[in-house]
N, C-alpha and C. Protein backbone atom coordinates (compact mmCIF):
# COMPACT_ATOMS: atom_id res chain seq x y z
N MET A 1 4.77 14.37 -15.57
CA MET A 1 4.47 12.97 -15.73
C MET A 1 3.50 12.57 -14.62
N LYS A 2 2.47 11.83 -14.98
CA LYS A 2 1.47 11.38 -14.01
C LYS A 2 1.53 9.86 -13.88
N LYS A 3 1.41 9.39 -12.65
CA LYS A 3 1.42 7.95 -12.37
C LYS A 3 0.30 7.64 -11.38
N LYS A 4 -0.48 6.64 -11.70
CA LYS A 4 -1.57 6.19 -10.83
C LYS A 4 -1.08 5.06 -9.95
N ILE A 5 -1.33 5.21 -8.64
CA ILE A 5 -1.01 4.18 -7.65
C ILE A 5 -2.30 3.77 -6.97
N CYS A 6 -2.51 2.47 -6.83
CA CYS A 6 -3.66 1.97 -6.07
C CYS A 6 -3.18 1.34 -4.77
N MET A 7 -3.89 1.65 -3.69
CA MET A 7 -3.64 1.09 -2.36
C MET A 7 -4.63 -0.05 -2.16
N LEU A 8 -4.11 -1.25 -1.89
CA LEU A 8 -4.98 -2.43 -1.74
C LEU A 8 -4.68 -3.14 -0.43
N GLY A 9 -5.70 -3.71 0.17
CA GLY A 9 -5.51 -4.49 1.39
C GLY A 9 -6.84 -4.73 2.08
N ALA A 10 -6.78 -5.46 3.18
CA ALA A 10 -7.96 -5.76 3.97
C ALA A 10 -8.47 -4.46 4.63
N PHE A 11 -9.64 -4.54 5.25
CA PHE A 11 -10.16 -3.38 5.95
C PHE A 11 -9.31 -3.10 7.19
N ALA A 12 -9.20 -1.84 7.54
CA ALA A 12 -8.54 -1.37 8.77
C ALA A 12 -7.05 -1.72 8.88
N VAL A 13 -6.36 -1.82 7.74
CA VAL A 13 -4.91 -2.06 7.79
C VAL A 13 -4.12 -0.75 7.80
N GLY A 14 -4.79 0.36 7.47
CA GLY A 14 -4.14 1.65 7.49
C GLY A 14 -3.87 2.27 6.13
N LYS A 15 -4.57 1.82 5.10
CA LYS A 15 -4.36 2.38 3.76
C LYS A 15 -4.62 3.89 3.75
N THR A 16 -5.77 4.28 4.25
CA THR A 16 -6.13 5.70 4.28
C THR A 16 -5.17 6.48 5.17
N SER A 17 -4.80 5.92 6.30
CA SER A 17 -3.86 6.60 7.21
C SER A 17 -2.51 6.81 6.55
N LEU A 18 -2.04 5.83 5.78
CA LEU A 18 -0.77 5.97 5.07
C LEU A 18 -0.85 7.10 4.04
N VAL A 19 -1.96 7.15 3.31
CA VAL A 19 -2.13 8.20 2.30
C VAL A 19 -2.22 9.57 2.98
N GLU A 20 -3.00 9.67 4.04
CA GLU A 20 -3.14 10.93 4.77
C GLU A 20 -1.80 11.40 5.33
N ARG A 21 -1.01 10.47 5.86
CA ARG A 21 0.30 10.81 6.41
C ARG A 21 1.21 11.31 5.29
N TYR A 22 1.19 10.63 4.15
CA TYR A 22 2.07 11.01 3.04
C TYR A 22 1.65 12.34 2.41
N VAL A 23 0.37 12.48 2.11
CA VAL A 23 -0.09 13.64 1.36
C VAL A 23 -0.25 14.87 2.26
N HIS A 24 -0.80 14.69 3.47
CA HIS A 24 -1.14 15.83 4.33
C HIS A 24 -0.32 15.90 5.62
N SER A 25 0.57 14.93 5.85
CA SER A 25 1.39 14.86 7.07
C SER A 25 0.54 14.84 8.34
N ILE A 26 -0.60 14.15 8.27
CA ILE A 26 -1.46 14.05 9.46
C ILE A 26 -1.79 12.59 9.75
N PHE A 27 -2.19 12.35 10.98
CA PHE A 27 -2.65 11.03 11.41
C PHE A 27 -3.81 11.23 12.36
N SER A 28 -4.84 10.42 12.20
CA SER A 28 -5.99 10.46 13.10
C SER A 28 -6.21 9.06 13.67
N ASP A 29 -6.47 9.00 14.97
CA ASP A 29 -6.79 7.71 15.61
C ASP A 29 -8.20 7.25 15.29
N LYS A 30 -9.01 8.13 14.72
CA LYS A 30 -10.40 7.77 14.40
C LYS A 30 -10.42 6.93 13.14
N TYR A 31 -11.14 5.81 13.21
CA TYR A 31 -11.23 4.93 12.05
C TYR A 31 -12.43 5.33 11.20
N HIS A 32 -12.17 5.58 9.93
CA HIS A 32 -13.23 5.88 8.98
C HIS A 32 -13.14 4.88 7.84
N THR A 33 -14.21 4.15 7.61
CA THR A 33 -14.24 3.19 6.52
C THR A 33 -14.27 3.94 5.19
N THR A 34 -13.40 3.54 4.27
CA THR A 34 -13.43 4.11 2.93
C THR A 34 -14.55 3.43 2.16
N VAL A 35 -15.40 4.23 1.55
CA VAL A 35 -16.49 3.72 0.74
C VAL A 35 -16.09 3.93 -0.72
N GLY A 36 -15.95 2.84 -1.47
CA GLY A 36 -15.54 2.96 -2.86
C GLY A 36 -14.07 3.29 -2.97
N VAL A 37 -13.79 4.49 -3.45
CA VAL A 37 -12.40 4.92 -3.63
C VAL A 37 -12.27 6.40 -3.26
N LYS A 38 -11.14 6.74 -2.67
CA LYS A 38 -10.81 8.13 -2.38
C LYS A 38 -9.53 8.43 -3.13
N ILE A 39 -9.51 9.53 -3.86
CA ILE A 39 -8.36 9.86 -4.70
C ILE A 39 -7.64 11.09 -4.15
N GLU A 40 -6.33 10.97 -3.99
CA GLU A 40 -5.48 12.07 -3.53
C GLU A 40 -4.38 12.29 -4.57
N LYS A 41 -3.82 13.48 -4.58
CA LYS A 41 -2.72 13.80 -5.49
C LYS A 41 -1.53 14.30 -4.69
N MET A 42 -0.35 13.92 -5.14
CA MET A 42 0.88 14.35 -4.48
C MET A 42 1.98 14.43 -5.52
N GLN A 43 2.74 15.50 -5.47
CA GLN A 43 3.86 15.65 -6.40
C GLN A 43 5.14 15.25 -5.67
N THR A 44 5.97 14.49 -6.35
CA THR A 44 7.24 14.07 -5.77
C THR A 44 8.33 14.20 -6.82
N ALA A 45 9.56 14.28 -6.35
CA ALA A 45 10.70 14.38 -7.26
C ALA A 45 11.60 13.17 -7.05
N ILE A 46 11.97 12.55 -8.15
CA ILE A 46 12.94 11.46 -8.14
C ILE A 46 14.07 11.93 -9.04
N GLY A 47 15.16 12.35 -8.42
CA GLY A 47 16.24 12.95 -9.19
C GLY A 47 15.73 14.23 -9.83
N GLU A 48 15.88 14.33 -11.14
CA GLU A 48 15.42 15.50 -11.89
C GLU A 48 13.96 15.38 -12.31
N GLU A 49 13.40 14.20 -12.16
CA GLU A 49 12.04 13.92 -12.64
C GLU A 49 10.99 14.34 -11.62
N ILE A 50 10.03 15.16 -12.06
CA ILE A 50 8.89 15.54 -11.22
C ILE A 50 7.72 14.63 -11.62
N VAL A 51 7.14 13.97 -10.62
CA VAL A 51 6.07 13.01 -10.89
C VAL A 51 4.83 13.40 -10.09
N ASP A 52 3.71 13.50 -10.79
CA ASP A 52 2.43 13.72 -10.12
C ASP A 52 1.82 12.35 -9.83
N LEU A 53 1.72 12.02 -8.55
CA LEU A 53 1.11 10.75 -8.16
C LEU A 53 -0.38 10.94 -7.95
N ILE A 54 -1.15 10.09 -8.58
CA ILE A 54 -2.59 10.04 -8.36
C ILE A 54 -2.82 8.78 -7.54
N ILE A 55 -3.13 8.94 -6.26
CA ILE A 55 -3.19 7.82 -5.33
C ILE A 55 -4.66 7.43 -5.10
N TRP A 56 -4.99 6.23 -5.51
CA TRP A 56 -6.33 5.69 -5.34
C TRP A 56 -6.36 4.83 -4.08
N ASP A 57 -7.04 5.31 -3.08
CA ASP A 57 -7.19 4.61 -1.81
C ASP A 57 -8.49 3.80 -1.90
N LEU A 58 -8.34 2.50 -2.17
CA LEU A 58 -9.51 1.65 -2.38
C LEU A 58 -10.05 1.13 -1.06
N HIS A 59 -11.37 0.94 -1.02
CA HIS A 59 -11.99 0.40 0.19
C HIS A 59 -11.35 -0.93 0.56
N GLY A 60 -11.38 -1.25 1.84
CA GLY A 60 -10.79 -2.50 2.31
C GLY A 60 -11.57 -3.71 1.86
N GLU A 61 -10.82 -4.77 1.64
CA GLU A 61 -11.45 -6.03 1.23
C GLU A 61 -11.70 -6.88 2.46
N ASP A 62 -12.88 -7.49 2.50
CA ASP A 62 -13.19 -8.47 3.54
C ASP A 62 -14.12 -9.51 2.93
N GLU A 63 -14.68 -10.38 3.76
CA GLU A 63 -15.51 -11.46 3.21
C GLU A 63 -16.81 -10.96 2.57
N PHE A 64 -17.18 -9.72 2.85
CA PHE A 64 -18.43 -9.19 2.29
C PHE A 64 -18.22 -8.25 1.12
N GLN A 65 -17.06 -7.66 1.03
CA GLN A 65 -16.80 -6.63 0.03
C GLN A 65 -15.49 -6.91 -0.68
N HIS A 66 -15.52 -6.90 -1.99
CA HIS A 66 -14.32 -7.18 -2.77
C HIS A 66 -13.95 -5.96 -3.61
N VAL A 67 -12.67 -5.84 -3.89
CA VAL A 67 -12.17 -4.70 -4.67
C VAL A 67 -12.79 -4.71 -6.06
N GLN A 68 -13.21 -3.53 -6.50
CA GLN A 68 -13.70 -3.37 -7.86
C GLN A 68 -12.49 -3.40 -8.79
N LEU A 69 -12.38 -4.46 -9.56
CA LEU A 69 -11.19 -4.63 -10.39
C LEU A 69 -11.03 -3.52 -11.43
N SER A 70 -12.15 -2.88 -11.80
CA SER A 70 -12.06 -1.79 -12.77
C SER A 70 -11.25 -0.61 -12.22
N TYR A 71 -11.17 -0.46 -10.88
CA TYR A 71 -10.37 0.60 -10.28
C TYR A 71 -8.89 0.45 -10.61
N LEU A 72 -8.45 -0.77 -10.87
CA LEU A 72 -7.02 -1.03 -11.09
C LEU A 72 -6.54 -0.61 -12.48
N LYS A 73 -7.45 -0.46 -13.43
CA LYS A 73 -7.06 -0.13 -14.80
C LYS A 73 -6.26 1.17 -14.84
N GLY A 74 -5.18 1.15 -15.58
CA GLY A 74 -4.34 2.32 -15.73
C GLY A 74 -3.33 2.52 -14.61
N SER A 75 -3.26 1.58 -13.69
CA SER A 75 -2.32 1.72 -12.58
C SER A 75 -0.88 1.55 -13.06
N SER A 76 -0.02 2.43 -12.58
CA SER A 76 1.40 2.33 -12.85
C SER A 76 2.12 1.58 -11.72
N GLY A 77 1.49 1.54 -10.55
CA GLY A 77 2.08 0.88 -9.40
C GLY A 77 1.01 0.56 -8.36
N LEU A 78 1.33 -0.42 -7.52
CA LEU A 78 0.39 -0.87 -6.49
C LEU A 78 1.10 -0.96 -5.15
N ILE A 79 0.37 -0.61 -4.10
CA ILE A 79 0.87 -0.80 -2.74
C ILE A 79 -0.12 -1.71 -2.04
N TYR A 80 0.37 -2.89 -1.67
CA TYR A 80 -0.45 -3.85 -0.91
C TYR A 80 -0.14 -3.62 0.56
N VAL A 81 -1.18 -3.41 1.36
CA VAL A 81 -0.98 -3.07 2.77
C VAL A 81 -1.53 -4.18 3.66
N ALA A 82 -0.71 -4.59 4.62
CA ALA A 82 -1.13 -5.55 5.65
C ALA A 82 -0.87 -4.91 7.01
N ASP A 83 -1.60 -5.36 8.00
CA ASP A 83 -1.47 -4.89 9.38
C ASP A 83 -0.64 -5.92 10.12
N GLY A 84 0.54 -5.52 10.59
CA GLY A 84 1.42 -6.45 11.28
C GLY A 84 0.81 -7.11 12.49
N THR A 85 -0.22 -6.48 13.07
CA THR A 85 -0.86 -7.06 14.26
C THR A 85 -1.95 -8.07 13.91
N ARG A 86 -2.23 -8.23 12.61
CA ARG A 86 -3.25 -9.20 12.18
C ARG A 86 -2.70 -10.01 11.01
N LYS A 87 -2.23 -11.22 11.29
CA LYS A 87 -1.59 -12.05 10.26
C LYS A 87 -2.52 -12.31 9.08
N SER A 88 -3.80 -12.43 9.31
CA SER A 88 -4.75 -12.71 8.24
C SER A 88 -4.72 -11.64 7.15
N THR A 89 -4.36 -10.41 7.51
CA THR A 89 -4.33 -9.33 6.52
C THR A 89 -3.18 -9.50 5.53
N LEU A 90 -2.15 -10.22 5.93
CA LEU A 90 -1.04 -10.51 5.02
C LEU A 90 -1.52 -11.46 3.92
N ALA A 91 -2.28 -12.47 4.31
CA ALA A 91 -2.84 -13.40 3.32
C ALA A 91 -3.76 -12.65 2.35
N THR A 92 -4.55 -11.71 2.87
CA THR A 92 -5.44 -10.92 2.01
C THR A 92 -4.62 -10.11 1.02
N ALA A 93 -3.55 -9.46 1.50
CA ALA A 93 -2.71 -8.65 0.62
C ALA A 93 -2.08 -9.49 -0.48
N LEU A 94 -1.57 -10.66 -0.12
CA LEU A 94 -0.94 -11.54 -1.12
C LEU A 94 -1.97 -12.09 -2.11
N ASN A 95 -3.18 -12.35 -1.64
CA ASN A 95 -4.26 -12.79 -2.52
C ASN A 95 -4.63 -11.66 -3.49
N LEU A 96 -4.70 -10.45 -2.99
CA LEU A 96 -5.01 -9.31 -3.86
C LEU A 96 -3.93 -9.11 -4.92
N LYS A 97 -2.69 -9.39 -4.56
CA LYS A 97 -1.59 -9.31 -5.52
C LYS A 97 -1.84 -10.27 -6.69
N GLU A 98 -2.23 -11.51 -6.37
CA GLU A 98 -2.52 -12.50 -7.42
C GLU A 98 -3.68 -12.04 -8.30
N ILE A 99 -4.74 -11.54 -7.68
CA ILE A 99 -5.91 -11.08 -8.42
C ILE A 99 -5.55 -9.90 -9.32
N ALA A 100 -4.78 -8.94 -8.78
CA ALA A 100 -4.40 -7.76 -9.56
C ALA A 100 -3.54 -8.15 -10.76
N GLU A 101 -2.60 -9.09 -10.56
CA GLU A 101 -1.74 -9.51 -11.67
C GLU A 101 -2.55 -10.19 -12.77
N LYS A 102 -3.57 -10.95 -12.38
CA LYS A 102 -4.44 -11.58 -13.39
C LYS A 102 -5.27 -10.54 -14.12
N THR A 103 -5.59 -9.43 -13.43
CA THR A 103 -6.47 -8.41 -14.00
C THR A 103 -5.72 -7.43 -14.90
N ILE A 104 -4.58 -6.89 -14.40
CA ILE A 104 -3.88 -5.85 -15.17
C ILE A 104 -2.46 -6.23 -15.55
N GLY A 105 -2.04 -7.45 -15.22
CA GLY A 105 -0.67 -7.85 -15.51
C GLY A 105 0.26 -7.39 -14.41
N LYS A 106 1.55 -7.60 -14.64
CA LYS A 106 2.54 -7.23 -13.62
C LYS A 106 2.90 -5.75 -13.75
N VAL A 107 2.76 -5.05 -12.64
CA VAL A 107 3.20 -3.66 -12.55
C VAL A 107 4.05 -3.56 -11.28
N PRO A 108 4.89 -2.53 -11.17
CA PRO A 108 5.69 -2.38 -9.95
C PRO A 108 4.79 -2.32 -8.72
N PHE A 109 5.26 -2.93 -7.64
CA PHE A 109 4.48 -2.93 -6.40
C PHE A 109 5.40 -3.03 -5.20
N ILE A 110 4.83 -2.72 -4.05
CA ILE A 110 5.51 -2.88 -2.76
C ILE A 110 4.50 -3.46 -1.79
N LEU A 111 4.96 -4.35 -0.94
CA LEU A 111 4.14 -4.87 0.15
C LEU A 111 4.51 -4.09 1.40
N VAL A 112 3.51 -3.47 2.02
CA VAL A 112 3.73 -2.68 3.22
C VAL A 112 3.15 -3.42 4.42
N LEU A 113 3.96 -3.55 5.45
CA LEU A 113 3.47 -4.04 6.74
C LEU A 113 3.36 -2.82 7.63
N ASN A 114 2.14 -2.41 7.88
CA ASN A 114 1.88 -1.19 8.62
C ASN A 114 1.75 -1.47 10.11
N LYS A 115 1.80 -0.41 10.88
CA LYS A 115 1.65 -0.42 12.34
C LYS A 115 2.90 -0.92 13.05
N MET A 116 4.07 -0.53 12.55
CA MET A 116 5.31 -0.93 13.21
C MET A 116 5.47 -0.28 14.58
N ASP A 117 4.66 0.75 14.86
CA ASP A 117 4.65 1.34 16.20
C ASP A 117 4.04 0.38 17.22
N LEU A 118 3.38 -0.67 16.75
CA LEU A 118 2.79 -1.70 17.61
C LEU A 118 3.52 -3.04 17.45
N GLN A 119 4.81 -2.98 17.15
CA GLN A 119 5.55 -4.19 16.81
C GLN A 119 5.53 -5.25 17.92
N ASP A 120 5.38 -4.83 19.16
CA ASP A 120 5.30 -5.81 20.25
C ASP A 120 4.02 -6.64 20.18
N GLN A 121 3.06 -6.21 19.36
CA GLN A 121 1.80 -6.95 19.19
C GLN A 121 1.72 -7.68 17.84
N TRP A 122 2.81 -7.66 17.09
CA TRP A 122 2.77 -8.24 15.75
C TRP A 122 2.55 -9.75 15.78
N GLU A 123 1.77 -10.20 14.79
CA GLU A 123 1.53 -11.64 14.58
C GLU A 123 2.36 -12.16 13.41
N ILE A 124 3.04 -11.26 12.69
CA ILE A 124 3.84 -11.65 11.53
C ILE A 124 5.29 -11.71 11.97
N ASP A 125 5.88 -12.90 11.87
CA ASP A 125 7.23 -13.10 12.38
C ASP A 125 8.30 -12.92 11.29
N ASP A 126 9.54 -12.88 11.72
CA ASP A 126 10.67 -12.65 10.80
C ASP A 126 10.81 -13.76 9.75
N LEU A 127 10.51 -14.99 10.12
CA LEU A 127 10.61 -16.10 9.17
C LEU A 127 9.60 -15.93 8.03
N THR A 128 8.39 -15.53 8.37
CA THR A 128 7.37 -15.28 7.35
C THR A 128 7.83 -14.16 6.42
N LEU A 129 8.39 -13.09 6.99
CA LEU A 129 8.89 -11.98 6.17
C LEU A 129 10.02 -12.44 5.26
N LYS A 130 10.92 -13.24 5.78
CA LYS A 130 12.03 -13.74 4.97
C LYS A 130 11.53 -14.58 3.80
N ASP A 131 10.54 -15.44 4.05
CA ASP A 131 9.95 -16.25 2.98
C ASP A 131 9.38 -15.37 1.87
N ILE A 132 8.72 -14.28 2.26
CA ILE A 132 8.14 -13.38 1.27
C ILE A 132 9.24 -12.66 0.49
N GLU A 133 10.23 -12.16 1.21
CA GLU A 133 11.33 -11.46 0.55
C GLU A 133 12.13 -12.38 -0.36
N ASP A 134 12.23 -13.66 0.02
CA ASP A 134 12.94 -14.64 -0.82
C ASP A 134 12.24 -14.86 -2.17
N LYS A 135 10.97 -14.49 -2.25
CA LYS A 135 10.22 -14.59 -3.52
C LYS A 135 10.40 -13.33 -4.36
N GLY A 136 11.28 -12.43 -3.92
CA GLY A 136 11.55 -11.21 -4.69
C GLY A 136 10.59 -10.07 -4.40
N ILE A 137 9.80 -10.19 -3.35
CA ILE A 137 8.84 -9.14 -3.00
C ILE A 137 9.51 -8.16 -2.04
N ILE A 138 9.44 -6.87 -2.40
CA ILE A 138 9.97 -5.83 -1.52
C ILE A 138 8.96 -5.58 -0.40
N VAL A 139 9.42 -5.70 0.84
CA VAL A 139 8.57 -5.48 2.00
C VAL A 139 9.11 -4.28 2.76
N VAL A 140 8.23 -3.32 3.04
CA VAL A 140 8.61 -2.15 3.83
C VAL A 140 7.71 -2.12 5.07
N GLN A 141 8.33 -1.94 6.22
CA GLN A 141 7.57 -1.81 7.46
C GLN A 141 7.37 -0.32 7.73
N THR A 142 6.10 0.06 7.95
CA THR A 142 5.76 1.47 8.12
C THR A 142 4.93 1.69 9.38
N SER A 143 4.81 2.94 9.73
CA SER A 143 3.86 3.36 10.75
C SER A 143 3.20 4.65 10.28
N ALA A 144 1.92 4.56 9.94
CA ALA A 144 1.20 5.77 9.57
C ALA A 144 1.12 6.71 10.77
N LYS A 145 1.08 6.14 11.95
CA LYS A 145 0.96 6.95 13.17
C LYS A 145 2.19 7.82 13.40
N THR A 146 3.38 7.24 13.30
CA THR A 146 4.61 8.01 13.54
C THR A 146 5.19 8.60 12.26
N GLY A 147 4.76 8.07 11.11
CA GLY A 147 5.28 8.52 9.83
C GLY A 147 6.50 7.73 9.37
N ASP A 148 6.99 6.80 10.20
CA ASP A 148 8.18 6.03 9.85
C ASP A 148 8.01 5.30 8.52
N GLU A 149 8.93 5.57 7.60
CA GLU A 149 9.05 4.88 6.31
C GLU A 149 7.90 5.15 5.33
N VAL A 150 6.98 6.06 5.66
CA VAL A 150 5.84 6.31 4.76
C VAL A 150 6.30 7.02 3.49
N LYS A 151 7.01 8.13 3.63
CA LYS A 151 7.49 8.85 2.45
C LYS A 151 8.42 7.95 1.63
N HIS A 152 9.30 7.23 2.32
CA HIS A 152 10.23 6.31 1.65
C HIS A 152 9.47 5.29 0.79
N THR A 153 8.35 4.78 1.30
CA THR A 153 7.57 3.78 0.56
C THR A 153 7.08 4.33 -0.77
N PHE A 154 6.48 5.52 -0.74
CA PHE A 154 5.96 6.11 -1.97
C PHE A 154 7.09 6.48 -2.92
N GLN A 155 8.21 6.96 -2.39
CA GLN A 155 9.33 7.30 -3.27
C GLN A 155 9.97 6.05 -3.87
N LEU A 156 10.06 4.99 -3.10
CA LEU A 156 10.60 3.73 -3.60
C LEU A 156 9.73 3.19 -4.74
N LEU A 157 8.41 3.22 -4.55
CA LEU A 157 7.52 2.74 -5.61
C LEU A 157 7.61 3.65 -6.84
N THR A 158 7.67 4.95 -6.63
CA THR A 158 7.78 5.88 -7.76
C THR A 158 9.05 5.59 -8.55
N LYS A 159 10.14 5.36 -7.85
CA LYS A 159 11.40 5.03 -8.52
C LYS A 159 11.25 3.74 -9.33
N LYS A 160 10.60 2.72 -8.74
CA LYS A 160 10.37 1.47 -9.47
C LYS A 160 9.52 1.70 -10.72
N MET A 161 8.51 2.57 -10.61
CA MET A 161 7.66 2.84 -11.77
C MET A 161 8.44 3.54 -12.88
N LEU A 162 9.36 4.43 -12.51
CA LEU A 162 10.15 5.14 -13.50
C LEU A 162 11.21 4.24 -14.14
N ASP A 163 11.70 3.26 -13.41
CA ASP A 163 12.72 2.34 -13.93
C ASP A 163 12.13 1.34 -14.91
N LYS A 164 10.82 1.18 -14.88
CA LYS A 164 10.18 0.15 -15.69
C LYS A 164 10.23 0.51 -17.16
């Protein structure tokens, strides 16, 4: 079974780092801008089910560059990524969620707050997180650098995609 996942978020939130950590178990401190889309594959097991994940790492969105909505077609799940040290990236992620739902309808998704290894520098507070979770949005805090919760995030989304 194959499932397409798209990674969406502002620039420099760690989308590529999360994918690299999950697929290759590596992390690099060097920042490389994703141009267009980078596609990775990873096989995972949920119970007895073997799932081939096709992970589309989309370029970051900012005021000059917007996500190509055609990349979202055929997605089985979405991961919206925000950087906990930059509150503005949370607004970008939530805005992308609205745009994606208008484009492809509702599909399983997870909101990731990345860079939990820098939690002492976070601009996103617990009250903001609670408000988001109260809307039924699953929020996972991750660190691409340490690997904390990265595998769990992809497995959680895969499980949601299979339950649909």
